[in-house]
Amino acid sequence: MRLNELLQRQGTPYKLNTNPCDVVCLSSDDFAATLGKRKLVCLLSVSKDNVIGLTRIINTTSKFYSISCMSPLRMVVSSYDDPRPARMLSVDGVESDFDHVTFPVKTYTIDESMCTYVQSKNTLVLTDRDAHTVYIYNTVNGTSRAVTNKNIREPSCACVGPNDTVLVYIKNKHAIAHLTIDGDVLDILINLVV
């Protein structure tokens, strides 16, 4: 469903056959939703009169959970039950791997790891809930950093924050960690109401 700045529903929503795992805007009128265990990504668009419609269904080889925008034509997705924890997916349905990134040798189950992508910095951020670690990868030169902190326990979902920073939800504290892409902890917002 589409909301205006007052959070009022606009136009006609689109009903998926199952609950989406995650949703990302690709442009002002286009977005995508992951349908994890069904191995599907739905591409949707919004018309000028705010009617949401299905543009395309992409059948994937992996179960994807989180999704973020790499460019208007390419997305970054986290996968589960797969040894590749993050992959790229084009709007044409082409799946590809990160050539210059070495991930932990681990196959995550659902909800154990999620990712986001900072477009302007070519940076992939991957959470590892059980290792209490946030991995930050430069996808161009292959450098990486593992961020651990006594306040980062069970990191879950992540998103791009202001000024190319990253916000990571800390599940067991109901908190948000605010990180730079270099892995510095700027702030921990604790005791958020869930």
C-alpha atoms as a PDB file:
ATOM      1  CA  MET A   1       0.000   0.000   0.000  1.00  0.00           C
ATOM      2  CA  ARG A   2       1.177   3.540  -0.651  1.00  0.00           C
ATOM      3  CA  LEU A   3       0.986   6.233   2.042  1.00  0.00           C
ATOM      4  CA  ASN A   4       1.333   9.997   1.796  1.00  0.00           C
ATOM      5  CA  GLU A   5       3.393  12.185   4.139  1.00  0.00           C
ATOM      6  CA  LEU A   6       0.520  12.078   6.691  1.00  0.00           C
ATOM      7  CA  LEU A   7       0.570   8.257   6.522  1.00  0.00           C
ATOM      8  CA  GLN A   8      -2.833   8.175   4.863  1.00  0.00           C
ATOM      9  CA  ARG A   9      -3.470   5.404   2.358  1.00  0.00           C
ATOM     10  CA  GLN A  10      -3.449   6.497  -1.265  1.00  0.00           C
ATOM     11  CA  GLY A  11      -4.830   4.624  -4.242  1.00  0.00           C
ATOM     12  CA  THR A  12      -5.366   0.895  -4.456  1.00  0.00           C
ATOM     13  CA  PRO A  13      -3.048  -1.521  -2.616  1.00  0.00           C
ATOM     14  CA  TYR A  14      -1.858  -4.799  -4.123  1.00  0.00           C
ATOM     15  CA  LYS A  15      -2.454  -8.036  -2.195  1.00  0.00           C
ATOM     16  CA  LEU A  16       0.269 -10.657  -2.387  1.00  0.00           C
ATOM     17  CA  ASN A  17      -0.592 -14.342  -1.950  1.00  0.00           C
ATOM     18  CA  THR A  18       1.751 -14.594   1.031  1.00  0.00           C
ATOM     19  CA  ASN A  19       3.415 -12.232   3.485  1.00  0.00           C
ATOM     20  CA  PRO A  20       6.511 -10.564   2.053  1.00  0.00           C
ATOM     21  CA  CYS A  21       9.781 -10.876   3.952  1.00  0.00           C
ATOM     22  CA  ASP A  22      11.047  -7.445   2.900  1.00  0.00           C
ATOM     23  CA  VAL A  23      10.284  -4.590   0.508  1.00  0.00           C
ATOM     24  CA  VAL A  24      12.544  -2.040  -1.210  1.00  0.00           C
ATOM     25  CA  CYS A  25      11.934   1.011  -3.389  1.00  0.00           C
ATOM     26  CA  LEU A  26      13.858   0.847  -6.659  1.00  0.00           C
ATOM     27  CA  SER A  27      12.626   4.218  -7.931  1.00  0.00           C
ATOM     28  CA  SER A  28       9.811   6.624  -7.117  1.00  0.00           C
ATOM     29  CA  ASP A  29       7.331   4.325  -8.889  1.00  0.00           C
ATOM     30  CA  ASP A  30       8.891   0.855  -8.696  1.00  0.00           C
ATOM     31  CA  PHE A  31       9.573  -1.498  -5.813  1.00  0.00           C
ATOM     32  CA  ALA A  32      10.329  -5.137  -5.089  1.00  0.00           C
ATOM     33  CA  ALA A  33       9.262  -7.617  -2.416  1.00  0.00           C
ATOM     34  CA  THR A  34      10.910 -10.885  -1.370  1.00  0.00           C
ATOM     35  CA  LEU A  35       8.776 -13.944  -0.721  1.00  0.00           C
ATOM     36  CA  GLY A  36      11.519 -16.032   0.937  1.00  0.00           C
ATOM     37  CA  LYS A  37      10.602 -19.697   1.218  1.00  0.00           C
ATOM     38  CA  ARG A  38       8.677 -19.561  -2.055  1.00  0.00           C
ATOM     39  CA  LYS A  39      11.891 -18.456  -3.844  1.00  0.00           C
ATOM     40  CA  LEU A  40      10.167 -15.478  -5.449  1.00  0.00           C
ATOM     41  CA  VAL A  41      10.809 -11.767  -5.819  1.00  0.00           C
ATOM     42  CA  CYS A  42       7.868  -9.663  -6.986  1.00  0.00           C
ATOM     43  CA  LEU A  43       8.446  -6.448  -8.910  1.00  0.00           C
ATOM     44  CA  LEU A  44       5.616  -3.952  -8.535  1.00  0.00           C
ATOM     45  CA  SER A  45       4.898  -0.470  -9.820  1.00  0.00           C
ATOM     46  CA  VAL A  46       2.683   2.425  -8.817  1.00  0.00           C
ATOM     47  CA  SER A  47       0.612   4.189 -11.476  1.00  0.00           C
ATOM     48  CA  LYS A  48      -0.006   7.944 -11.601  1.00  0.00           C
ATOM     49  CA  ASP A  49      -3.357   7.413  -9.848  1.00  0.00           C
ATOM     50  CA  ASN A  50      -1.602   5.387  -7.086  1.00  0.00           C
ATOM     51  CA  VAL A  51      -2.750   1.931  -8.142  1.00  0.00           C
ATOM     52  CA  ILE A  52      -0.151  -0.707  -7.288  1.00  0.00           C
ATOM     53  CA  GLY A  53       0.250  -3.483  -9.836  1.00  0.00           C
ATOM     54  CA  LEU A  54       2.428  -6.532 -10.307  1.00  0.00           C
ATOM     55  CA  THR A  55       5.025  -5.987 -13.030  1.00  0.00           C
ATOM     56  CA  ARG A  56       6.929  -9.246 -12.884  1.00  0.00           C
ATOM     57  CA  ILE A  57       7.546 -12.322 -10.754  1.00  0.00           C
ATOM     58  CA  ILE A  58      11.142 -13.512 -10.575  1.00  0.00           C
ATOM     59  CA  ASN A  59      11.710 -17.159  -9.687  1.00  0.00           C
ATOM     60  CA  THR A  60      14.990 -17.409  -7.781  1.00  0.00           C
ATOM     61  CA  THR A  61      17.355 -20.279  -7.050  1.00  0.00           C
ATOM     62  CA  SER A  62      17.728 -19.262  -3.401  1.00  0.00           C
ATOM     63  CA  LYS A  63      15.462 -18.223  -0.556  1.00  0.00           C
ATOM     64  CA  PHE A  64      15.870 -14.460  -0.199  1.00  0.00           C
ATOM     65  CA  TYR A  65      14.925 -12.478   2.888  1.00  0.00           C
ATOM     66  CA  SER A  66      16.158  -8.884   3.106  1.00  0.00           C
ATOM     67  CA  ILE A  67      16.396  -6.765  -0.027  1.00  0.00           C
ATOM     68  CA  SER A  68      18.035  -3.423  -0.753  1.00  0.00           C
ATOM     69  CA  CYS A  69      18.672  -1.290  -3.793  1.00  0.00           C
ATOM     70  CA  MET A  70      22.066  -1.378  -5.483  1.00  0.00           C
ATOM     71  CA  SER A  71      20.850   0.583  -8.532  1.00  0.00           C
ATOM     72  CA  PRO A  72      17.469   1.020 -10.246  1.00  0.00           C
ATOM     73  CA  LEU A  73      18.163  -2.214 -12.146  1.00  0.00           C
ATOM     74  CA  ARG A  74      19.924  -4.295  -9.477  1.00  0.00           C
ATOM     75  CA  MET A  75      19.147  -5.369  -5.930  1.00  0.00           C
ATOM     76  CA  VAL A  76      21.165  -6.879  -3.090  1.00  0.00           C
ATOM     77  CA  VAL A  77      19.453  -9.699  -1.217  1.00  0.00           C
ATOM     78  CA  SER A  78      20.278 -11.790   1.824  1.00  0.00           C
ATOM     79  CA  SER A  79      19.737 -15.502   1.418  1.00  0.00           C
ATOM     80  CA  TYR A  80      19.144 -18.309   3.867  1.00  0.00           C
ATOM     81  CA  ASP A  81      19.634 -22.075   3.635  1.00  0.00           C
ATOM     82  CA  ASP A  82      22.362 -21.185   1.118  1.00  0.00           C
ATOM     83  CA  PRO A  83      26.169 -20.945   1.595  1.00  0.00           C
ATOM     84  CA  ARG A  84      26.118 -17.511  -0.119  1.00  0.00           C
ATOM     85  CA  PRO A  85      24.627 -15.144   2.490  1.00  0.00           C
ATOM     86  CA  ALA A  86      24.250 -12.178   0.133  1.00  0.00           C
ATOM     87  CA  ARG A  87      23.735 -12.037  -3.611  1.00  0.00           C
ATOM     88  CA  MET A  88      22.828  -9.619  -6.357  1.00  0.00           C
ATOM     89  CA  LEU A  89      19.644  -9.862  -8.402  1.00  0.00           C
ATOM     90  CA  SER A  90      18.816  -7.851 -11.508  1.00  0.00           C
ATOM     91  CA  VAL A  91      15.285  -6.770 -12.394  1.00  0.00           C
ATOM     92  CA  ASP A  92      15.651  -9.179 -15.347  1.00  0.00           C
ATOM     93  CA  GLY A  93      16.023 -12.053 -12.878  1.00  0.00           C
ATOM     94  CA  VAL A  94      19.767 -12.647 -13.243  1.00  0.00           C
ATOM     95  CA  GLU A  95      21.377 -13.750  -9.972  1.00  0.00           C
ATOM     96  CA  SER A  96      25.075 -13.113  -9.362  1.00  0.00           C
ATOM     97  CA  ASP A  97      27.635 -13.286  -6.585  1.00  0.00           C
ATOM     98  CA  PHE A  98      29.998 -10.690  -5.172  1.00  0.00           C
ATOM     99  CA  ASP A  99      33.390 -11.413  -6.771  1.00  0.00           C
ATOM    100  CA  HIS A 100      35.541  -9.443  -4.334  1.00  0.00           C
ATOM    101  CA  VAL A 101      33.854 -10.390  -1.068  1.00  0.00           C
ATOM    102  CA  THR A 102      34.771 -13.285   1.214  1.00  0.00           C
ATOM    103  CA  PHE A 103      31.835 -14.165   3.445  1.00  0.00           C
ATOM    104  CA  PRO A 104      31.947 -16.224   6.643  1.00  0.00           C
ATOM    105  CA  VAL A 105      31.895 -19.935   5.831  1.00  0.00           C
ATOM    106  CA  LYS A 106      28.440 -20.451   7.210  1.00  0.00           C
ATOM    107  CA  THR A 107      24.954 -21.256   5.973  1.00  0.00           C
ATOM    108  CA  TYR A 108      22.407 -19.119   7.776  1.00  0.00           C
ATOM    109  CA  THR A 109      18.863 -20.176   8.543  1.00  0.00           C
ATOM    110  CA  ILE A 110      15.939 -17.776   8.273  1.00  0.00           C
ATOM    111  CA  ASP A 111      16.303 -14.628  10.393  1.00  0.00           C
ATOM    112  CA  GLU A 112      19.953 -15.340  11.360  1.00  0.00           C
ATOM    113  CA  SER A 113      21.442 -12.871   8.887  1.00  0.00           C
ATOM    114  CA  MET A 114      20.256  -9.904   6.831  1.00  0.00           C
ATOM    115  CA  CYS A 115      21.963  -7.284   4.736  1.00  0.00           C
ATOM    116  CA  THR A 116      21.745  -3.803   3.284  1.00  0.00           C
ATOM    117  CA  TYR A 117      23.745  -1.910   0.681  1.00  0.00           C
ATOM    118  CA  VAL A 118      25.126   1.639   0.830  1.00  0.00           C
ATOM    119  CA  GLN A 119      25.058   2.597  -2.857  1.00  0.00           C
ATOM    120  CA  SER A 120      27.258   5.684  -2.753  1.00  0.00           C
ATOM    121  CA  LYS A 121      30.040   3.807  -0.942  1.00  0.00           C
ATOM    122  CA  ASN A 122      29.756   0.389  -2.675  1.00  0.00           C
ATOM    123  CA  THR A 123      29.388  -1.087   0.790  1.00  0.00           C
ATOM    124  CA  LEU A 124      27.556  -4.257   1.773  1.00  0.00           C
ATOM    125  CA  VAL A 125      26.529  -4.658   5.418  1.00  0.00           C
ATOM    126  CA  LEU A 126      25.738  -8.180   6.647  1.00  0.00           C
ATOM    127  CA  THR A 127      24.498  -9.046  10.131  1.00  0.00           C
ATOM    128  CA  ASP A 128      25.239 -12.308  11.930  1.00  0.00           C
ATOM    129  CA  ARG A 129      22.789 -12.640  14.803  1.00  0.00           C
ATOM    130  CA  ASP A 130      24.377 -15.593  16.580  1.00  0.00           C
ATOM    131  CA  ALA A 131      27.977 -14.312  16.234  1.00  0.00           C
ATOM    132  CA  HIS A 132      26.878 -10.871  17.535  1.00  0.00           C
ATOM    133  CA  THR A 133      28.727  -9.343  14.589  1.00  0.00           C
ATOM    134  CA  VAL A 134      28.080  -6.832  11.821  1.00  0.00           C
ATOM    135  CA  TYR A 135      30.266  -7.407   8.749  1.00  0.00           C
ATOM    136  CA  ILE A 136      31.019  -4.431   6.507  1.00  0.00           C
ATOM    137  CA  TYR A 137      32.396  -5.137   3.015  1.00  0.00           C
ATOM    138  CA  ASN A 138      33.685  -2.807   0.322  1.00  0.00           C
ATOM    139  CA  THR A 139      32.401  -4.630  -2.758  1.00  0.00           C
ATOM    140  CA  VAL A 140      34.887  -2.957  -5.122  1.00  0.00           C
ATOM    141  CA  ASN A 141      38.235  -3.554  -3.418  1.00  0.00           C
ATOM    142  CA  GLY A 142      37.216  -6.499  -1.208  1.00  0.00           C
ATOM    143  CA  THR A 143      38.212  -5.018   2.144  1.00  0.00           C
ATOM    144  CA  SER A 144      36.087  -5.966   5.122  1.00  0.00           C
ATOM    145  CA  ARG A 145      35.627  -5.286   8.787  1.00  0.00           C
ATOM    146  CA  ALA A 146      33.876  -7.306  11.481  1.00  0.00           C
ATOM    147  CA  VAL A 147      32.196  -5.022  14.007  1.00  0.00           C
ATOM    148  CA  THR A 148      31.643  -6.331  17.513  1.00  0.00           C
ATOM    149  CA  ASN A 149      30.648  -4.302  20.535  1.00  0.00           C
ATOM    150  CA  LYS A 150      29.318  -5.181  23.991  1.00  0.00           C
ATOM    151  CA  ASN A 151      26.061  -3.426  23.045  1.00  0.00           C
ATOM    152  CA  ILE A 152      25.682  -5.208  19.714  1.00  0.00           C
ATOM    153  CA  ARG A 153      24.032  -8.464  20.738  1.00  0.00           C
ATOM    154  CA  GLU A 154      21.929 -10.338  18.183  1.00  0.00           C
ATOM    155  CA  PRO A 155      22.081  -7.799  15.339  1.00  0.00           C
ATOM    156  CA  SER A 156      19.140  -8.327  13.039  1.00  0.00           C
ATOM    157  CA  CYS A 157      17.949  -6.178  10.157  1.00  0.00           C
ATOM    158  CA  ALA A 158      19.932  -3.244   8.804  1.00  0.00           C
ATOM    159  CA  CYS A 159      19.223  -0.216   6.648  1.00  0.00           C
ATOM    160  CA  VAL A 160      21.051   2.777   5.258  1.00  0.00           C
ATOM    161  CA  GLY A 161      20.942   5.764   7.594  1.00  0.00           C
ATOM    162  CA  PRO A 162      21.648   9.462   7.111  1.00  0.00           C
ATOM    163  CA  ASN A 163      24.924  10.550   5.504  1.00  0.00           C
ATOM    164  CA  ASP A 164      25.870   7.049   4.318  1.00  0.00           C
ATOM    165  CA  THR A 165      25.730   5.531   7.783  1.00  0.00           C
ATOM    166  CA  VAL A 166      24.044   2.275   8.748  1.00  0.00           C
ATOM    167  CA  LEU A 167      21.296   1.549  11.277  1.00  0.00           C
ATOM    168  CA  VAL A 168      21.229  -1.978  12.722  1.00  0.00           C
ATOM    169  CA  TYR A 169      18.408  -3.324  14.868  1.00  0.00           C
ATOM    170  CA  ILE A 170      19.727  -5.042  18.018  1.00  0.00           C
ATOM    171  CA  LYS A 171      17.152  -7.702  18.744  1.00  0.00           C
ATOM    172  CA  ASN A 172      17.828  -8.666  22.365  1.00  0.00           C
ATOM    173  CA  LYS A 173      18.045  -5.034  23.561  1.00  0.00           C
ATOM    174  CA  HIS A 174      15.284  -3.582  21.356  1.00  0.00           C
ATOM    175  CA  ALA A 175      17.862  -1.030  20.296  1.00  0.00           C
ATOM    176  CA  ILE A 176      19.350   0.490  17.169  1.00  0.00           C
ATOM    177  CA  ALA A 177      23.088   0.748  16.598  1.00  0.00           C
ATOM    178  CA  HIS A 178      24.165   3.690  14.431  1.00  0.00           C
ATOM    179  CA  LEU A 179      27.396   2.800  12.596  1.00  0.00           C
ATOM    180  CA  THR A 180      29.700   4.414  10.063  1.00  0.00           C
ATOM    181  CA  ILE A 181      30.632   2.334   7.025  1.00  0.00           C
ATOM    182  CA  ASP A 182      34.106   2.119   8.550  1.00  0.00           C
ATOM    183  CA  GLY A 183      32.583   0.222  11.478  1.00  0.00           C
ATOM    184  CA  ASP A 184      32.705   2.945  14.107  1.00  0.00           C
ATOM    185  CA  VAL A 185      29.770   2.932  16.532  1.00  0.00           C
ATOM    186  CA  LEU A 186      28.257   6.421  16.564  1.00  0.00           C
ATOM    187  CA  ASP A 187      25.422   5.717  18.978  1.00  0.00           C
ATOM    188  CA  ILE A 188      23.249   2.997  20.474  1.00  0.00           C
ATOM    189  CA  LEU A 189      19.593   3.922  20.927  1.00  0.00           C
ATOM    190  CA  ILE A 190      18.372   1.579  23.677  1.00  0.00           C
ATOM    191  CA  ASN A 191      14.937   0.625  25.038  1.00  0.00           C
ATOM    192  CA  LEU A 192      12.918   1.325  21.935  1.00  0.00           C
ATOM    193  CA  VAL A 193       9.272   0.353  22.233  1.00  0.00           C
ATOM    194  CA  VAL A 194       8.516  -2.581  19.955  1.00  0.00           C
END
